[in-house]
Amino acid sequence: MEEVKTLEIDGKEYFLVDSISNNEKTYYYFSNESDVSDIYVLTDKEKDGQEYFVSPSTEHEYNSALALFLKKHREDIEKTTNNS
């Protein structure tokens, strides 16, 4: 059985939907359990030997990370929106 990574932000539970590596960064896509349209795009950062998640540093980087997700999951997204 695979372990599901979760993260609590502002009292809400988010689960890891996907991770995508691009260049030297890995982006993590978390979705709210109660509202799948509520997402966080995060990347990991290391400081003083500790790893933690941070938001992309610029709006451009955030948009690029979203574009990576959309490109990877385009077919799934189209199937979902066409069935609605």
PDB file of N, CA and C in Angstrom:
ATOM      1  N   MET A   1       0.838  -1.177   0.000  1.00  0.00           N
ATOM      2  CA  MET A   1       0.000   0.000   0.000  1.00  0.00           C
ATOM      3  C   MET A   1       0.885   1.243   0.000  1.00  0.00           C
ATOM      4  N   GLU A   2       0.589   2.180  -0.859  1.00  0.00           N
ATOM      5  CA  GLU A   2       1.378   3.393  -0.982  1.00  0.00           C
ATOM      6  C   GLU A   2       0.929   4.440   0.034  1.00  0.00           C
ATOM      7  N   GLU A   3       1.903   5.084   0.665  1.00  0.00           N
ATOM      8  CA  GLU A   3       1.609   6.137   1.637  1.00  0.00           C
ATOM      9  C   GLU A   3       1.240   7.428   0.906  1.00  0.00           C
ATOM     10  N   VAL A   4       0.186   8.079   1.370  1.00  0.00           N
ATOM     11  CA  VAL A   4      -0.246   9.339   0.784  1.00  0.00           C
ATOM     12  C   VAL A   4       0.340  10.473   1.606  1.00  0.00           C
ATOM     13  N   LYS A   5       1.061  11.379   0.946  1.00  0.00           N
ATOM     14  CA  LYS A   5       1.630  12.525   1.651  1.00  0.00           C
ATOM     15  C   LYS A   5       0.551  13.578   1.840  1.00  0.00           C
ATOM     16  N   THR A   6       0.452  14.069   3.050  1.00  0.00           N
ATOM     17  CA  THR A   6      -0.503  15.129   3.340  1.00  0.00           C
ATOM     18  C   THR A   6       0.222  16.288   4.000  1.00  0.00           C
ATOM     19  N   LEU A   7      -0.441  17.428   3.971  1.00  0.00           N
ATOM     20  CA  LEU A   7       0.111  18.660   4.497  1.00  0.00           C
ATOM     21  C   LEU A   7      -1.042  19.470   5.065  1.00  0.00           C
ATOM     22  N   GLU A   8      -0.863  20.036   6.245  1.00  0.00           N
ATOM     23  CA  GLU A   8      -1.910  20.875   6.814  1.00  0.00           C
ATOM     24  C   GLU A   8      -1.508  22.336   6.665  1.00  0.00           C
ATOM     25  N   ILE A   9      -2.420  23.118   6.057  1.00  0.00           N
ATOM     26  CA  ILE A   9      -2.198  24.550   5.852  1.00  0.00           C
ATOM     27  C   ILE A   9      -3.458  25.275   6.317  1.00  0.00           C
ATOM     28  N   ASP A  10      -3.300  26.202   7.232  1.00  0.00           N
ATOM     29  CA  ASP A  10      -4.430  26.974   7.764  1.00  0.00           C
ATOM     30  C   ASP A  10      -5.576  26.079   8.228  1.00  0.00           C
ATOM     31  N   GLY A  11      -5.244  24.967   8.869  1.00  0.00           N
ATOM     32  CA  GLY A  11      -6.248  24.068   9.411  1.00  0.00           C
ATOM     33  C   GLY A  11      -6.936  23.181   8.385  1.00  0.00           C
ATOM     34  N   LYS A  12      -6.479  23.219   7.129  1.00  0.00           N
ATOM     35  CA  LYS A  12      -7.067  22.389   6.076  1.00  0.00           C
ATOM     36  C   LYS A  12      -6.066  21.317   5.669  1.00  0.00           C
ATOM     37  N   GLU A  13      -6.590  20.140   5.361  1.00  0.00           N
ATOM     38  CA  GLU A  13      -5.754  19.012   4.954  1.00  0.00           C
ATOM     39  C   GLU A  13      -5.605  18.993   3.427  1.00  0.00           C
ATOM     40  N   TYR A  14      -4.366  18.942   2.960  1.00  0.00           N
ATOM     41  CA  TYR A  14      -4.062  18.865   1.532  1.00  0.00           C
ATOM     42  C   TYR A  14      -3.308  17.568   1.280  1.00  0.00           C
ATOM     43  N   PHE A  15      -3.580  16.932   0.142  1.00  0.00           N
ATOM     44  CA  PHE A  15      -2.869  15.706  -0.197  1.00  0.00           C
ATOM     45  C   PHE A  15      -2.074  15.912  -1.476  1.00  0.00           C
ATOM     46  N   LEU A  16      -0.970  15.202  -1.571  1.00  0.00           N
ATOM     47  CA  LEU A  16      -0.079  15.310  -2.724  1.00  0.00           C
ATOM     48  C   LEU A  16      -0.724  14.640  -3.925  1.00  0.00           C
ATOM     49  N   VAL A  17      -0.947  15.420  -4.971  1.00  0.00           N
ATOM     50  CA  VAL A  17      -1.550  14.926  -6.206  1.00  0.00           C
ATOM     51  C   VAL A  17      -0.465  14.441  -7.168  1.00  0.00           C
ATOM     52  N   ASP A  18       0.622  15.201  -7.247  1.00  0.00           N
ATOM     53  CA  ASP A  18       1.685  14.862  -8.189  1.00  0.00           C
ATOM     54  C   ASP A  18       2.937  15.648  -7.825  1.00  0.00           C
ATOM     55  N   SER A  19       4.062  15.210  -8.355  1.00  0.00           N
ATOM     56  CA  SER A  19       5.305  15.978  -8.285  1.00  0.00           C
ATOM     57  C   SER A  19       5.960  15.878  -9.653  1.00  0.00           C
ATOM     58  N   ILE A  20       6.521  16.997 -10.095  1.00  0.00           N
ATOM     59  CA  ILE A  20       7.145  17.059 -11.416  1.00  0.00           C
ATOM     60  C   ILE A  20       8.495  17.751 -11.282  1.00  0.00           C
ATOM     61  N   SER A  21       9.533  17.097 -11.788  1.00  0.00           N
ATOM     62  CA  SER A  21      10.869  17.684 -11.779  1.00  0.00           C
ATOM     63  C   SER A  21      11.115  18.400 -13.095  1.00  0.00           C
ATOM     64  N   ASN A  22      11.674  19.587 -12.984  1.00  0.00           N
ATOM     65  CA  ASN A  22      11.995  20.394 -14.160  1.00  0.00           C
ATOM     66  C   ASN A  22      13.275  21.158 -13.855  1.00  0.00           C
ATOM     67  N   ASN A  23      14.258  21.012 -14.734  1.00  0.00           N
ATOM     68  CA  ASN A  23      15.578  21.589 -14.493  1.00  0.00           C
ATOM     69  C   ASN A  23      16.087  21.073 -13.155  1.00  0.00           C
ATOM     70  N   GLU A  24      16.393  21.948 -12.240  1.00  0.00           N
ATOM     71  CA  GLU A  24      16.932  21.485 -10.958  1.00  0.00           C
ATOM     72  C   GLU A  24      15.912  21.575  -9.836  1.00  0.00           C
ATOM     73  N   LYS A  25      14.638  21.788 -10.152  1.00  0.00           N
ATOM     74  CA  LYS A  25      13.603  21.911  -9.127  1.00  0.00           C
ATOM     75  C   LYS A  25      12.553  20.829  -9.297  1.00  0.00           C
ATOM     76  N   THR A  26      11.957  20.474  -8.178  1.00  0.00           N
ATOM     77  CA  THR A  26      10.801  19.590  -8.191  1.00  0.00           C
ATOM     78  C   THR A  26       9.627  20.370  -7.629  1.00  0.00           C
ATOM     79  N   TYR A  27       8.516  20.335  -8.352  1.00  0.00           N
ATOM     80  CA  TYR A  27       7.301  21.010  -7.908  1.00  0.00           C
ATOM     81  C   TYR A  27       6.336  19.961  -7.373  1.00  0.00           C
ATOM     82  N   TYR A  28       5.691  20.303  -6.259  1.00  0.00           N
ATOM     83  CA  TYR A  28       4.738  19.415  -5.599  1.00  0.00           C
ATOM     84  C   TYR A  28       3.364  20.072  -5.674  1.00  0.00           C
ATOM     85  N   TYR A  29       2.383  19.299  -6.085  1.00  0.00           N
ATOM     86  CA  TYR A  29       1.026  19.810  -6.295  1.00  0.00           C
ATOM     87  C   TYR A  29       0.118  19.187  -5.237  1.00  0.00           C
ATOM     88  N   PHE A  30      -0.363  20.014  -4.325  1.00  0.00           N
ATOM     89  CA  PHE A  30      -1.229  19.568  -3.236  1.00  0.00           C
ATOM     90  C   PHE A  30      -2.644  20.077  -3.465  1.00  0.00           C
ATOM     91  N   SER A  31      -3.635  19.228  -3.200  1.00  0.00           N
ATOM     92  CA  SER A  31      -5.043  19.587  -3.360  1.00  0.00           C
ATOM     93  C   SER A  31      -5.769  19.403  -2.032  1.00  0.00           C
ATOM     94  N   ASN A  32      -6.709  20.305  -1.751  1.00  0.00           N
ATOM     95  CA  ASN A  32      -7.514  20.233  -0.542  1.00  0.00           C
ATOM     96  C   ASN A  32      -8.431  19.014  -0.623  1.00  0.00           C
ATOM     97  N   GLU A  33      -8.517  18.262   0.457  1.00  0.00           N
ATOM     98  CA  GLU A  33      -9.389  17.077   0.483  1.00  0.00           C
ATOM     99  C   GLU A  33     -10.848  17.433   0.239  1.00  0.00           C
ATOM    100  N   SER A  34     -11.277  18.559   0.756  1.00  0.00           N
ATOM    101  CA  SER A  34     -12.693  18.947   0.682  1.00  0.00           C
ATOM    102  C   SER A  34     -13.041  19.720  -0.580  1.00  0.00           C
ATOM    103  N   ASP A  35     -12.039  20.345  -1.222  1.00  0.00           N
ATOM    104  CA  ASP A  35     -12.283  21.185  -2.399  1.00  0.00           C
ATOM    105  C   ASP A  35     -11.097  21.030  -3.350  1.00  0.00           C
ATOM    106  N   VAL A  36     -11.229  20.152  -4.342  1.00  0.00           N
ATOM    107  CA  VAL A  36     -10.099  19.843  -5.223  1.00  0.00           C
ATOM    108  C   VAL A  36      -9.653  21.030  -6.074  1.00  0.00           C
ATOM    109  N   SER A  37     -10.448  22.084  -6.134  1.00  0.00           N
ATOM    110  CA  SER A  37     -10.013  23.276  -6.873  1.00  0.00           C
ATOM    111  C   SER A  37      -9.091  24.157  -6.013  1.00  0.00           C
ATOM    112  N   ASP A  38      -8.970  23.841  -4.727  1.00  0.00           N
ATOM    113  CA  ASP A  38      -8.100  24.567  -3.798  1.00  0.00           C
ATOM    114  C   ASP A  38      -6.750  23.859  -3.796  1.00  0.00           C
ATOM    115  N   ILE A  39      -5.770  24.429  -4.510  1.00  0.00           N
ATOM    116  CA  ILE A  39      -4.480  23.763  -4.666  1.00  0.00           C
ATOM    117  C   ILE A  39      -3.329  24.641  -4.195  1.00  0.00           C
ATOM    118  N   TYR A  40      -2.250  23.994  -3.868  1.00  0.00           N
ATOM    119  CA  TYR A  40      -0.986  24.661  -3.569  1.00  0.00           C
ATOM    120  C   TYR A  40       0.073  24.054  -4.467  1.00  0.00           C
ATOM    121  N   VAL A  41       0.900  24.904  -5.059  1.00  0.00           N
ATOM    122  CA  VAL A  41       2.071  24.461  -5.811  1.00  0.00           C
ATOM    123  C   VAL A  41       3.267  24.864  -4.963  1.00  0.00           C
ATOM    124  N   LEU A  42       4.067  23.896  -4.586  1.00  0.00           N
ATOM    125  CA  LEU A  42       5.205  24.150  -3.708  1.00  0.00           C
ATOM    126  C   LEU A  42       6.457  23.506  -4.283  1.00  0.00           C
ATOM    127  N   THR A  43       7.589  23.971  -3.827  1.00  0.00           N
ATOM    128  CA  THR A  43       8.866  23.368  -4.176  1.00  0.00           C
ATOM    129  C   THR A  43       9.625  23.160  -2.873  1.00  0.00           C
ATOM    130  N   ASP A  44      10.623  22.298  -2.887  1.00  0.00           N
ATOM    131  CA  ASP A  44      11.357  22.073  -1.652  1.00  0.00           C
ATOM    132  C   ASP A  44      12.607  22.935  -1.608  1.00  0.00           C
ATOM    133  N   LYS A  45      13.017  23.233  -0.388  1.00  0.00           N
ATOM    134  CA  LYS A  45      14.193  24.065  -0.175  1.00  0.00           C
ATOM    135  C   LYS A  45      14.937  23.496   1.027  1.00  0.00           C
ATOM    136  N   GLU A  46      16.233  23.572   0.962  1.00  0.00           N
ATOM    137  CA  GLU A  46      17.034  23.091   2.080  1.00  0.00           C
ATOM    138  C   GLU A  46      17.742  24.270   2.732  1.00  0.00           C
ATOM    139  N   LYS A  47      17.674  24.306   4.052  1.00  0.00           N
ATOM    140  CA  LYS A  47      18.360  25.351   4.810  1.00  0.00           C
ATOM    141  C   LYS A  47      18.835  24.734   6.112  1.00  0.00           C
ATOM    142  N   ASP A  48      20.102  24.905   6.408  1.00  0.00           N
ATOM    143  CA  ASP A  48      20.703  24.366   7.625  1.00  0.00           C
ATOM    144  C   ASP A  48      20.445  22.869   7.776  1.00  0.00           C
ATOM    145  N   GLY A  49      20.494  22.137   6.653  1.00  0.00           N
ATOM    146  CA  GLY A  49      20.314  20.700   6.680  1.00  0.00           C
ATOM    147  C   GLY A  49      18.866  20.241   6.814  1.00  0.00           C
ATOM    148  N   GLN A  50      17.927  21.182   6.860  1.00  0.00           N
ATOM    149  CA  GLN A  50      16.505  20.849   6.969  1.00  0.00           C
ATOM    150  C   GLN A  50      15.819  21.115   5.636  1.00  0.00           C
ATOM    151  N   GLU A  51      14.959  20.182   5.209  1.00  0.00           N
ATOM    152  CA  GLU A  51      14.180  20.373   3.983  1.00  0.00           C
ATOM    153  C   GLU A  51      12.776  20.814   4.343  1.00  0.00           C
ATOM    154  N   TYR A  52      12.253  21.771   3.593  1.00  0.00           N
ATOM    155  CA  TYR A  52      10.886  22.216   3.811  1.00  0.00           C
ATOM    156  C   TYR A  52      10.301  22.727   2.508  1.00  0.00           C
ATOM    157  N   PHE A  53       8.967  22.878   2.474  1.00  0.00           N
ATOM    158  CA  PHE A  53       8.278  23.351   1.282  1.00  0.00           C
ATOM    159  C   PHE A  53       8.163  24.867   1.297  1.00  0.00           C
ATOM    160  N   VAL A  54       8.309  25.460   0.105  1.00  0.00           N
ATOM    161  CA  VAL A  54       8.108  26.901  -0.071  1.00  0.00           C
ATOM    162  C   VAL A  54       7.314  27.121  -1.357  1.00  0.00           C
ATOM    163  N   SER A  55       6.656  28.257  -1.430  1.00  0.00           N
ATOM    164  CA  SER A  55       5.951  28.632  -2.657  1.00  0.00           C
ATOM    165  C   SER A  55       6.965  29.033  -3.714  1.00  0.00           C
ATOM    166  N   PRO A  56       6.614  28.902  -4.989  1.00  0.00           N
ATOM    167  CA  PRO A  56       7.506  29.413  -6.039  1.00  0.00           C
ATOM    168  C   PRO A  56       7.816  30.887  -5.768  1.00  0.00           C
ATOM    169  N   SER A  57       9.027  31.305  -6.111  1.00  0.00           N
ATOM    170  CA  SER A  57       9.495  32.640  -5.714  1.00  0.00           C
ATOM    171  C   SER A  57       8.894  33.786  -6.523  1.00  0.00           C
ATOM    172  N   THR A  58       8.390  33.506  -7.719  1.00  0.00           N
ATOM    173  CA  THR A  58       7.790  34.566  -8.536  1.00  0.00           C
ATOM    174  C   THR A  58       6.487  34.065  -9.156  1.00  0.00           C
ATOM    175  N   GLU A  59       5.675  34.990  -9.623  1.00  0.00           N
ATOM    176  CA  GLU A  59       4.447  34.612 -10.315  1.00  0.00           C
ATOM    177  C   GLU A  59       4.768  33.846 -11.592  1.00  0.00           C
ATOM    178  N   HIS A  60       5.843  34.242 -12.275  1.00  0.00           N
ATOM    179  CA  HIS A  60       6.264  33.543 -13.493  1.00  0.00           C
ATOM    180  C   HIS A  60       6.612  32.076 -13.184  1.00  0.00           C
ATOM    181  N   GLU A  61       7.340  31.859 -12.104  1.00  0.00           N
ATOM    182  CA  GLU A  61       7.702  30.482 -11.739  1.00  0.00           C
ATOM    183  C   GLU A  61       6.446  29.672 -11.387  1.00  0.00           C
ATOM    184  N   TYR A  62       5.510  30.296 -10.662  1.00  0.00           N
ATOM    185  CA  TYR A  62       4.250  29.630 -10.312  1.00  0.00           C
ATOM    186  C   TYR A  62       3.486  29.240 -11.580  1.00  0.00           C
ATOM    187  N   ASN A  63       3.360  30.184 -12.513  1.00  0.00           N
ATOM    188  CA  ASN A  63       2.656  29.913 -13.768  1.00  0.00           C
ATOM    189  C   ASN A  63       3.354  28.830 -14.584  1.00  0.00           C
ATOM    190  N   SER A  64       4.676  28.833 -14.573  1.00  0.00           N
ATOM    191  CA  SER A  64       5.438  27.795 -15.282  1.00  0.00           C
ATOM    192  C   SER A  64       5.202  26.424 -14.655  1.00  0.00           C
ATOM    193  N   ALA A  65       5.130  26.373 -13.325  1.00  0.00           N
ATOM    194  CA  ALA A  65       4.867  25.108 -12.633  1.00  0.00           C
ATOM    195  C   ALA A  65       3.462  24.603 -12.960  1.00  0.00           C
ATOM    196  N   LEU A  66       2.489  25.506 -13.022  1.00  0.00           N
ATOM    197  CA  LEU A  66       1.135  25.115 -13.412  1.00  0.00           C
ATOM    198  C   LEU A  66       1.105  24.599 -14.847  1.00  0.00           C
ATOM    199  N   ALA A  67       1.852  25.255 -15.727  1.00  0.00           N
ATOM    200  CA  ALA A  67       1.909  24.833 -17.132  1.00  0.00           C
ATOM    201  C   ALA A  67       2.488  23.416 -17.242  1.00  0.00           C
ATOM    202  N   LEU A  68       3.491  23.094 -16.430  1.00  0.00           N
ATOM    203  CA  LEU A  68       4.056  21.737 -16.422  1.00  0.00           C
ATOM    204  C   LEU A  68       2.988  20.717 -16.049  1.00  0.00           C
ATOM    205  N   PHE A  69       2.188  21.041 -15.026  1.00  0.00           N
ATOM    206  CA  PHE A  69       1.132  20.136 -14.577  1.00  0.00           C
ATOM    207  C   PHE A  69       0.077  19.960 -15.665  1.00  0.00           C
ATOM    208  N   LEU A  70      -0.334  21.069 -16.267  1.00  0.00           N
ATOM    209  CA  LEU A  70      -1.352  21.006 -17.318  1.00  0.00           C
ATOM    210  C   LEU A  70      -0.860  20.216 -18.529  1.00  0.00           C
ATOM    211  N   LYS A  71       0.394  20.408 -18.882  1.00  0.00           N
ATOM    212  CA  LYS A  71       0.955  19.670 -20.020  1.00  0.00           C
ATOM    213  C   LYS A  71       0.975  18.169 -19.729  1.00  0.00           C
ATOM    214  N   LYS A  72       1.374  17.803 -18.526  1.00  0.00           N
ATOM    215  CA  LYS A  72       1.463  16.388 -18.156  1.00  0.00           C
ATOM    216  C   LYS A  72       0.085  15.737 -18.085  1.00  0.00           C
ATOM    217  N   HIS A  73      -0.924  16.496 -17.633  1.00  0.00           N
ATOM    218  CA  HIS A  73      -2.244  15.922 -17.378  1.00  0.00           C
ATOM    219  C   HIS A  73      -3.323  16.420 -18.336  1.00  0.00           C
ATOM    220  N   ARG A  74      -2.918  16.957 -19.459  1.00  0.00           N
ATOM    221  CA  ARG A  74      -3.863  17.537 -20.422  1.00  0.00           C
ATOM    222  C   ARG A  74      -4.999  16.576 -20.785  1.00  0.00           C
ATOM    223  N   GLU A  75      -4.666  15.345 -21.139  1.00  0.00           N
ATOM    224  CA  GLU A  75      -5.698  14.385 -21.551  1.00  0.00           C
ATOM    225  C   GLU A  75      -6.686  14.101 -20.426  1.00  0.00           C
ATOM    226  N   ASP A  76      -6.183  13.913 -19.213  1.00  0.00           N
ATOM    227  CA  ASP A  76      -7.062  13.654 -18.073  1.00  0.00           C
ATOM    228  C   ASP A  76      -7.981  14.847 -17.804  1.00  0.00           C
ATOM    229  N   ILE A  77      -7.437  16.041 -17.907  1.00  0.00           N
ATOM    230  CA  ILE A  77      -8.227  17.257 -17.668  1.00  0.00           C
ATOM    231  C   ILE A  77      -9.305  17.393 -18.735  1.00  0.00           C
ATOM    232  N   GLU A  78      -8.949  17.145 -19.980  1.00  0.00           N
ATOM    233  CA  GLU A  78      -9.925  17.247 -21.071  1.00  0.00           C
ATOM    234  C   GLU A  78     -11.036  16.222 -20.906  1.00  0.00           C
ATOM    235  N   LYS A  79     -10.709  14.998 -20.499  1.00  0.00           N
ATOM    236  CA  LYS A  79     -11.741  13.978 -20.275  1.00  0.00           C
ATOM    237  C   LYS A  79     -12.685  14.409 -19.170  1.00  0.00           C
ATOM    238  N   THR A  80     -12.136  14.953 -18.102  1.00  0.00           N
ATOM    239  CA  THR A  80     -12.950  15.377 -16.971  1.00  0.00           C
ATOM    240  C   THR A  80     -13.871  16.523 -17.355  1.00  0.00           C
ATOM    241  N   THR A  81     -13.365  17.508 -18.075  1.00  0.00           N
ATOM    242  CA  THR A  81     -14.191  18.668 -18.434  1.00  0.00           C
ATOM    243  C   THR A  81     -15.210  18.315 -19.517  1.00  0.00           C
ATOM    244  N   ASN A  82     -14.897  17.364 -20.371  1.00  0.00           N
ATOM    245  CA  ASN A  82     -15.846  16.962 -21.412  1.00  0.00           C
ATOM    246  C   ASN A  82     -16.979  16.101 -20.870  1.00  0.00           C
ATOM    247  N   ASN A  83     -16.740  15.440 -19.731  1.00  0.00           N
ATOM    248  CA  ASN A  83     -17.758  14.604 -19.116  1.00  0.00           C
ATOM    249  C   ASN A  83     -18.665  15.382 -18.177  1.00  0.00           C
ATOM    250  N   SER A  84     -18.349  16.635 -17.929  1.00  0.00           N
ATOM    251  CA  SER A  84     -19.153  17.449 -16.994  1.00  0.00           C
ATOM    252  C   SER A  84     -20.381  18.004 -17.656  1.00  0.00           C
TER     253      SER A  84
END
